[in-house]
Amino acid sequence: MILHPTVLALVITSFLTSLMILYSGYYGIRILVNWDMGSGSELQLQLERRTYLISTMVGYLLALQLVSLFLFIFTADSISSLLVGAMCAVGTLSANGFGYPALLLKVAVFLLAGLWLILNRADNQGYDYPLIRKKYLLLLFMTPVILAETVCQALFFLGLRPDIITSCCGSLFSPEARGIATEMAGLPPLPTLAAFYASAAVTLASGVYFYLKGRGCGLFASLNLVHLVVTVVAIISVVSLYIYRMPSHHCPFCILQREYLYVGYPLYAAVLTGGVTGAGTGMLLPFRTVSSLREVLPGMTRRLSATSLACTAFSTLLVSWEVLATGFTLR
């Protein structure tokens, strides 16, 4: 294992989150079975006291999990200089078989944690905890994902050795390589860029319509998830080429480095936040008729949609700046 302060921080944070999730899952099962807001039993009172404490602690830990995704990528990029053959996070993640699974699981935890925080916030707005069963059911669904992420991340860091010979991003995205990354890199650049702008346009249009009219929430939420995927594909296929000013450099991690002004961090943060907040509006849609939430949910979904719109607009403008201001042209 390569000792590094951020490695220790990531491992400890994931371990504490897993312990808390397991503890919360135990009470989540009890709540799913025994919760009855109309009951004055000792068990109900105990569950009400516990759920406030648990929700608060889980909320803080899941908020840390949102940050830990970017800390994980930053760490993978930072320690690449300690591995033979690595030039960025690609080399670090390729050093053993747990790197990319850990990254994918952390992305999944980011999305699920964001949705849970939104659901928890909505539940706390109701005087009778109207969504308590839903949020604990989501927490139980998240539990195996978080546990898998903790184990996978620990095995990844434990398996890193300074004498490991790994590969650089050039080999991963080369025409000779095989895999989904190569397939995305091989997509035709200009049509992919057109698809990105078309996806951004319809997502923004549906969001503005929902914000102004209060209708079309489900469509807006779905388009946000589609746009998230389209944006990641576009970054690998074409946007990276403009950032690097090179016709064959498709790495989605080098844009996180200093020589490219760390542009990847605000770009990825905007894309992920926009996707989560946009999807969150659709997640809350079925609960708009709940009596204790009828007055608060419209305002909450409008704020979520406004955040999603701002993030999507920002990421689109950032991509446009890189495409138009670099002076690089694809031939």
Protein backbone atom coordinates (compact mmCIF):
# COMPACT_ATOMS: atom_id res chain seq x y z
CA MET A 1 0.00 0.00 0.00
CA ILE A 2 1.23 3.50 -0.85
CA LEU A 3 0.91 5.65 2.28
CA HIS A 4 -0.60 9.01 1.42
CA PRO A 5 -2.74 11.34 3.59
CA THR A 6 -5.65 11.32 1.14
CA VAL A 7 -5.50 7.53 0.84
CA LEU A 8 -5.92 7.23 4.61
CA ALA A 9 -8.71 9.81 4.60
CA LEU A 10 -10.59 7.92 1.87
CA VAL A 11 -10.23 4.53 3.55
CA ILE A 12 -11.27 5.84 6.98
CA THR A 13 -14.26 7.78 5.59
CA SER A 14 -15.52 4.78 3.62
CA PHE A 15 -15.06 2.48 6.61
CA LEU A 16 -17.01 4.80 8.94
CA THR A 17 -19.74 5.23 6.34
CA SER A 18 -20.08 1.47 5.95
CA LEU A 19 -20.34 0.97 9.72
CA MET A 20 -23.00 3.67 9.96
CA ILE A 21 -24.90 2.28 7.00
CA LEU A 22 -24.98 -1.18 8.58
CA TYR A 23 -26.20 0.30 11.86
CA SER A 24 -28.80 2.37 10.03
CA GLY A 25 -29.90 -0.64 8.00
CA TYR A 26 -30.72 -2.51 11.19
CA TYR A 27 -33.02 0.29 12.34
CA GLY A 28 -34.26 0.74 8.81
CA ILE A 29 -35.64 -2.79 8.84
CA ARG A 30 -37.31 -2.15 12.20
CA ILE A 31 -38.84 1.06 10.86
CA LEU A 32 -40.12 -0.64 7.70
CA VAL A 33 -41.83 -3.28 9.85
CA ASN A 34 -42.95 -1.37 12.94
CA TRP A 35 -43.28 2.33 12.11
CA ASP A 36 -46.72 3.71 13.03
CA MET A 37 -46.93 7.47 13.51
CA GLY A 38 -50.35 7.12 15.13
CA SER A 39 -49.04 4.84 17.85
CA GLY A 40 -47.83 6.06 21.22
CA SER A 41 -46.06 2.83 22.10
CA GLU A 42 -42.61 2.76 23.66
CA LEU A 43 -41.22 1.14 20.49
CA GLN A 44 -42.59 3.93 18.29
CA LEU A 45 -41.13 6.61 20.57
CA GLN A 46 -37.78 4.85 20.50
CA LEU A 47 -37.83 4.66 16.69
CA GLU A 48 -38.72 8.36 16.41
CA ARG A 49 -35.80 9.34 18.63
CA ARG A 50 -33.40 7.04 16.78
CA THR A 51 -34.41 8.08 13.28
CA TYR A 52 -33.60 11.75 13.85
CA LEU A 53 -30.10 10.92 15.11
CA ILE A 54 -29.48 8.31 12.41
CA SER A 55 -30.72 10.53 9.58
CA THR A 56 -28.46 13.36 10.72
CA MET A 57 -25.36 11.17 10.97
CA VAL A 58 -26.04 9.38 7.69
CA GLY A 59 -26.65 12.74 6.01
CA TYR A 60 -23.23 14.05 7.04
CA LEU A 61 -21.45 10.84 6.02
CA LEU A 62 -23.17 10.70 2.64
CA ALA A 63 -22.28 14.34 2.06
CA LEU A 64 -18.66 13.32 2.67
CA GLN A 65 -19.14 10.54 0.14
CA LEU A 66 -20.02 13.14 -2.48
CA VAL A 67 -16.70 14.87 -1.84
CA SER A 68 -14.81 11.57 -1.64
CA LEU A 69 -15.44 10.83 -5.33
CA PHE A 70 -13.39 13.86 -6.33
CA LEU A 71 -10.83 13.17 -3.59
CA PHE A 72 -10.45 9.63 -4.95
CA ILE A 73 -9.80 10.89 -8.47
CA PHE A 74 -7.44 13.57 -7.15
CA THR A 75 -5.54 10.93 -5.16
CA ALA A 76 -5.30 8.56 -8.11
CA ASP A 77 -3.88 11.40 -10.19
CA SER A 78 -1.51 12.61 -7.45
CA ILE A 79 0.12 9.25 -6.76
CA SER A 80 0.52 8.35 -10.45
CA SER A 81 4.07 9.74 -10.27
CA LEU A 82 4.93 6.97 -7.80
CA LEU A 83 4.06 4.20 -10.28
CA VAL A 84 6.23 3.15 -13.18
CA GLY A 85 4.60 3.97 -16.51
CA ALA A 86 1.71 6.02 -15.10
CA MET A 87 1.20 9.60 -16.21
CA CYS A 88 -2.26 10.34 -14.76
CA ALA A 89 -5.12 8.65 -12.90
CA VAL A 90 -5.50 6.13 -15.74
CA GLY A 91 -2.17 4.55 -14.88
CA THR A 92 -2.99 4.40 -11.17
CA LEU A 93 -6.44 2.89 -11.73
CA SER A 94 -4.93 0.35 -14.14
CA ALA A 95 -2.34 -0.80 -11.59
CA ASN A 96 -4.61 -3.58 -10.36
CA GLY A 97 -8.04 -5.05 -11.04
CA PHE A 98 -9.85 -3.01 -8.37
CA GLY A 99 -9.14 0.53 -9.64
CA TYR A 100 -11.89 1.01 -12.19
CA PRO A 101 -14.51 -1.01 -10.26
CA ALA A 102 -13.80 1.24 -7.26
CA LEU A 103 -14.26 4.34 -9.43
CA LEU A 104 -17.53 3.11 -10.93
CA LEU A 105 -18.85 2.18 -7.48
CA LYS A 106 -17.92 5.61 -6.14
CA VAL A 107 -19.83 7.25 -9.00
CA ALA A 108 -22.84 5.03 -8.19
CA VAL A 109 -22.57 5.97 -4.49
CA PHE A 110 -22.38 9.66 -5.46
CA LEU A 111 -25.61 9.44 -7.44
CA LEU A 112 -27.45 7.37 -4.83
CA ALA A 113 -26.19 9.50 -1.94
CA GLY A 114 -27.34 12.65 -3.70
CA LEU A 115 -30.81 11.20 -4.24
CA TRP A 116 -31.00 10.02 -0.63
CA LEU A 117 -30.05 13.46 0.68
CA ILE A 118 -32.81 14.99 -1.44
CA LEU A 119 -35.35 12.43 -0.19
CA ASN A 120 -34.23 12.95 3.40
CA ARG A 121 -34.56 16.71 3.03
CA ALA A 122 -38.10 16.33 1.71
CA ASP A 123 -39.01 13.92 4.52
CA ASN A 124 -37.77 16.37 7.15
CA GLN A 125 -40.08 19.04 5.71
CA GLY A 126 -43.15 16.99 6.68
CA TYR A 127 -44.35 17.07 10.26
CA ASP A 128 -45.21 13.34 10.20
CA TYR A 129 -42.07 11.93 8.48
CA PRO A 130 -44.18 10.97 5.42
CA LEU A 131 -41.27 9.50 3.43
CA ILE A 132 -39.48 7.68 6.21
CA ARG A 133 -40.14 4.20 4.84
CA LYS A 134 -39.07 5.29 1.35
CA LYS A 135 -35.78 6.77 2.48
CA TYR A 136 -34.88 3.75 4.61
CA LEU A 137 -35.81 1.45 1.75
CA LEU A 138 -33.44 3.45 -0.47
CA LEU A 139 -30.80 3.25 2.27
CA LEU A 140 -31.13 -0.54 2.38
CA PHE A 141 -30.74 -0.64 -1.41
CA MET A 142 -27.61 1.51 -1.10
CA THR A 143 -26.05 -0.65 1.61
CA PRO A 144 -24.52 -3.39 -0.61
CA VAL A 145 -23.27 -0.74 -3.06
CA ILE A 146 -21.52 1.22 -0.28
CA LEU A 147 -20.07 -1.93 1.26
CA ALA A 148 -18.79 -3.08 -2.13
CA GLU A 149 -17.25 0.36 -2.73
CA THR A 150 -15.50 0.27 0.66
CA VAL A 151 -14.06 -3.18 0.07
CA CYS A 152 -13.08 -2.48 -3.53
CA GLN A 153 -11.39 0.81 -2.65
CA ALA A 154 -9.46 -0.79 0.22
CA LEU A 155 -8.27 -3.65 -2.00
CA PHE A 156 -7.26 -1.16 -4.67
CA PHE A 157 -5.10 0.92 -2.36
CA LEU A 158 -3.70 -2.13 -0.55
CA GLY A 159 -2.67 -3.58 -3.90
CA LEU A 160 -0.66 -0.55 -5.01
CA ARG A 161 3.11 -0.98 -5.01
CA PRO A 162 5.75 1.52 -6.19
CA ASP A 163 7.43 -1.19 -8.26
CA ILE A 164 4.26 -1.95 -10.25
CA ILE A 165 4.63 -1.34 -13.97
CA THR A 166 1.35 0.07 -15.26
CA SER A 167 0.16 1.76 -18.46
CA CYS A 168 -0.49 5.34 -19.49
CA CYS A 169 -3.71 6.78 -20.89
CA GLY A 170 -2.33 6.60 -24.43
CA SER A 171 -2.43 2.82 -24.39
CA LEU A 172 -5.94 2.67 -22.91
CA PHE A 173 -7.47 4.83 -25.65
CA SER A 174 -5.31 3.63 -28.53
CA PRO A 175 -6.98 2.01 -31.56
CA GLU A 176 -5.29 -1.30 -30.67
CA ALA A 177 -6.92 -1.43 -27.23
CA ARG A 178 -10.29 -3.04 -26.61
CA GLY A 179 -13.09 -2.04 -24.29
CA ILE A 180 -15.84 0.50 -23.79
CA ALA A 181 -13.34 3.36 -23.36
CA THR A 182 -11.89 2.64 -26.79
CA GLU A 183 -15.37 2.43 -28.28
CA MET A 184 -16.28 5.85 -26.90
CA ALA A 185 -12.98 7.33 -28.06
CA GLY A 186 -13.63 5.93 -31.53
CA LEU A 187 -16.98 7.68 -32.00
CA PRO A 188 -17.02 10.31 -34.78
CA PRO A 189 -16.12 13.60 -33.03
CA LEU A 190 -18.35 16.14 -34.76
CA PRO A 191 -21.57 14.06 -34.69
CA THR A 192 -20.87 13.30 -31.02
CA LEU A 193 -20.43 17.02 -30.32
CA ALA A 194 -23.70 17.71 -32.14
CA ALA A 195 -25.42 15.05 -30.01
CA PHE A 196 -24.06 16.73 -26.87
CA TYR A 197 -25.48 20.11 -27.84
CA ALA A 198 -28.80 18.58 -28.89
CA SER A 199 -29.04 16.76 -25.55
CA ALA A 200 -28.18 19.94 -23.65
CA ALA A 201 -30.76 21.95 -25.61
CA VAL A 202 -33.68 19.58 -24.99
CA THR A 203 -32.69 19.14 -21.33
CA LEU A 204 -32.56 22.90 -20.77
CA ALA A 205 -35.80 23.45 -22.66
CA SER A 206 -37.65 20.81 -20.65
CA GLY A 207 -36.22 22.24 -17.42
CA VAL A 208 -37.33 25.77 -18.23
CA TYR A 209 -40.79 24.47 -19.14
CA PHE A 210 -41.05 22.59 -15.84
CA TYR A 211 -39.77 25.57 -13.86
CA LEU A 212 -42.28 27.94 -15.43
CA LYS A 213 -45.29 25.66 -15.87
CA GLY A 214 -44.80 22.99 -13.18
CA ARG A 215 -45.39 20.23 -15.75
CA GLY A 216 -43.12 17.75 -17.48
CA CYS A 217 -41.17 16.82 -14.37
CA GLY A 218 -40.72 13.16 -15.34
CA LEU A 219 -39.41 14.07 -18.79
CA PHE A 220 -37.00 16.61 -17.31
CA ALA A 221 -35.65 14.06 -14.80
CA SER A 222 -35.16 11.41 -17.50
CA LEU A 223 -33.44 13.82 -19.88
CA ASN A 224 -31.00 14.81 -17.13
CA LEU A 225 -29.84 11.23 -16.70
CA VAL A 226 -29.51 10.80 -20.46
CA HIS A 227 -27.57 14.05 -20.72
CA LEU A 228 -25.19 12.93 -17.98
CA VAL A 229 -24.23 9.86 -20.02
CA VAL A 230 -24.06 11.82 -23.29
CA THR A 231 -21.76 14.40 -21.69
CA VAL A 232 -19.32 11.80 -20.37
CA VAL A 233 -19.20 10.15 -23.81
CA ALA A 234 -18.69 13.54 -25.48
CA ILE A 235 -15.85 14.43 -23.12
CA ILE A 236 -13.99 11.25 -24.02
CA SER A 237 -14.83 11.32 -27.71
CA VAL A 238 -14.39 14.95 -28.67
CA VAL A 239 -14.26 17.58 -25.90
CA SER A 240 -10.94 16.25 -24.61
CA LEU A 241 -9.42 16.76 -28.05
CA TYR A 242 -10.16 20.48 -27.91
CA ILE A 243 -8.86 20.80 -24.34
CA TYR A 244 -5.58 19.04 -25.17
CA ARG A 245 -5.40 20.51 -28.69
CA MET A 246 -4.42 17.07 -29.90
CA PRO A 247 -6.36 14.86 -32.36
CA SER A 248 -5.71 11.59 -30.53
CA HIS A 249 -5.64 12.35 -26.79
CA HIS A 250 -8.97 11.14 -25.36
CA CYS A 251 -8.11 10.81 -21.66
CA PRO A 252 -10.92 12.01 -19.35
CA PHE A 253 -8.50 12.35 -16.41
CA CYS A 254 -5.67 14.52 -17.73
CA ILE A 255 -8.12 17.44 -17.83
CA LEU A 256 -7.93 17.35 -14.02
CA GLN A 257 -4.28 18.35 -14.08
CA ARG A 258 -2.65 21.72 -13.53
CA GLU A 259 -1.52 22.29 -17.11
CA TYR A 260 -5.17 22.27 -18.17
CA LEU A 261 -6.19 24.58 -15.29
CA TYR A 262 -7.99 21.73 -13.48
CA VAL A 263 -10.94 22.29 -15.80
CA GLY A 264 -12.14 18.73 -15.27
CA TYR A 265 -13.16 19.33 -11.67
CA PRO A 266 -15.79 22.05 -12.27
CA LEU A 267 -16.91 20.25 -15.43
CA TYR A 268 -17.49 16.89 -13.75
CA ALA A 269 -18.95 18.52 -10.63
CA ALA A 270 -21.48 20.44 -12.73
CA VAL A 271 -22.43 17.38 -14.79
CA LEU A 272 -22.93 15.13 -11.76
CA THR A 273 -24.72 17.75 -9.67
CA GLY A 274 -27.00 18.64 -12.55
CA GLY A 275 -27.83 14.98 -13.10
CA VAL A 276 -28.60 14.30 -9.43
CA THR A 277 -30.71 17.41 -8.84
CA GLY A 278 -32.56 16.92 -12.11
CA ALA A 279 -33.29 13.28 -11.32
CA GLY A 280 -34.29 14.33 -7.81
CA THR A 281 -37.21 16.34 -9.17
CA GLY A 282 -38.58 13.17 -10.77
CA MET A 283 -37.98 11.14 -7.61
CA LEU A 284 -40.14 13.55 -5.59
CA LEU A 285 -42.92 13.67 -8.20
CA PRO A 286 -44.98 10.73 -6.80
CA PHE A 287 -45.16 12.40 -3.37
CA ARG A 288 -46.67 15.71 -4.46
CA THR A 289 -50.11 14.63 -3.17
CA VAL A 290 -48.90 13.76 0.34
CA SER A 291 -50.81 16.11 2.64
CA SER A 292 -47.88 17.20 4.80
CA LEU A 293 -45.73 17.87 1.72
CA ARG A 294 -48.30 19.44 -0.58
CA GLU A 295 -47.18 22.97 0.29
CA VAL A 296 -43.41 22.43 0.40
CA LEU A 297 -42.65 20.08 -2.49
CA PRO A 298 -43.45 22.52 -5.34
CA GLY A 299 -40.91 25.00 -4.00
CA MET A 300 -38.35 22.29 -3.38
CA THR A 301 -38.66 20.81 -6.87
CA ARG A 302 -38.40 24.29 -8.39
CA ARG A 303 -35.15 24.89 -6.49
CA LEU A 304 -33.83 21.51 -7.59
CA SER A 305 -34.74 22.21 -11.20
CA ALA A 306 -33.11 25.65 -10.99
CA THR A 307 -29.91 24.07 -9.65
CA SER A 308 -29.96 21.45 -12.38
CA LEU A 309 -30.53 24.08 -15.07
CA ALA A 310 -27.67 26.20 -13.73
CA CYS A 311 -25.31 23.21 -13.70
CA THR A 312 -26.28 22.10 -17.20
CA ALA A 313 -25.93 25.62 -18.56
CA PHE A 314 -22.55 26.01 -16.86
CA SER A 315 -21.17 22.71 -18.19
CA THR A 316 -22.44 23.53 -21.69
CA LEU A 317 -20.82 26.98 -21.60
CA LEU A 318 -17.59 25.50 -20.26
CA VAL A 319 -17.49 22.95 -23.09
CA SER A 320 -18.30 25.71 -25.60
CA TRP A 321 -15.46 27.85 -24.27
CA GLU A 322 -12.99 24.99 -24.69
CA VAL A 323 -14.26 24.26 -28.19
CA LEU A 324 -14.32 27.87 -29.43
CA ALA A 325 -11.50 29.56 -27.55
CA THR A 326 -8.67 27.08 -28.12
CA GLY A 327 -8.29 27.72 -31.85
CA PHE A 328 -8.03 23.98 -32.40
CA THR A 329 -10.02 22.50 -35.28
CA LEU A 330 -10.78 18.92 -36.15
CA ARG A 331 -10.10 17.85 -39.70
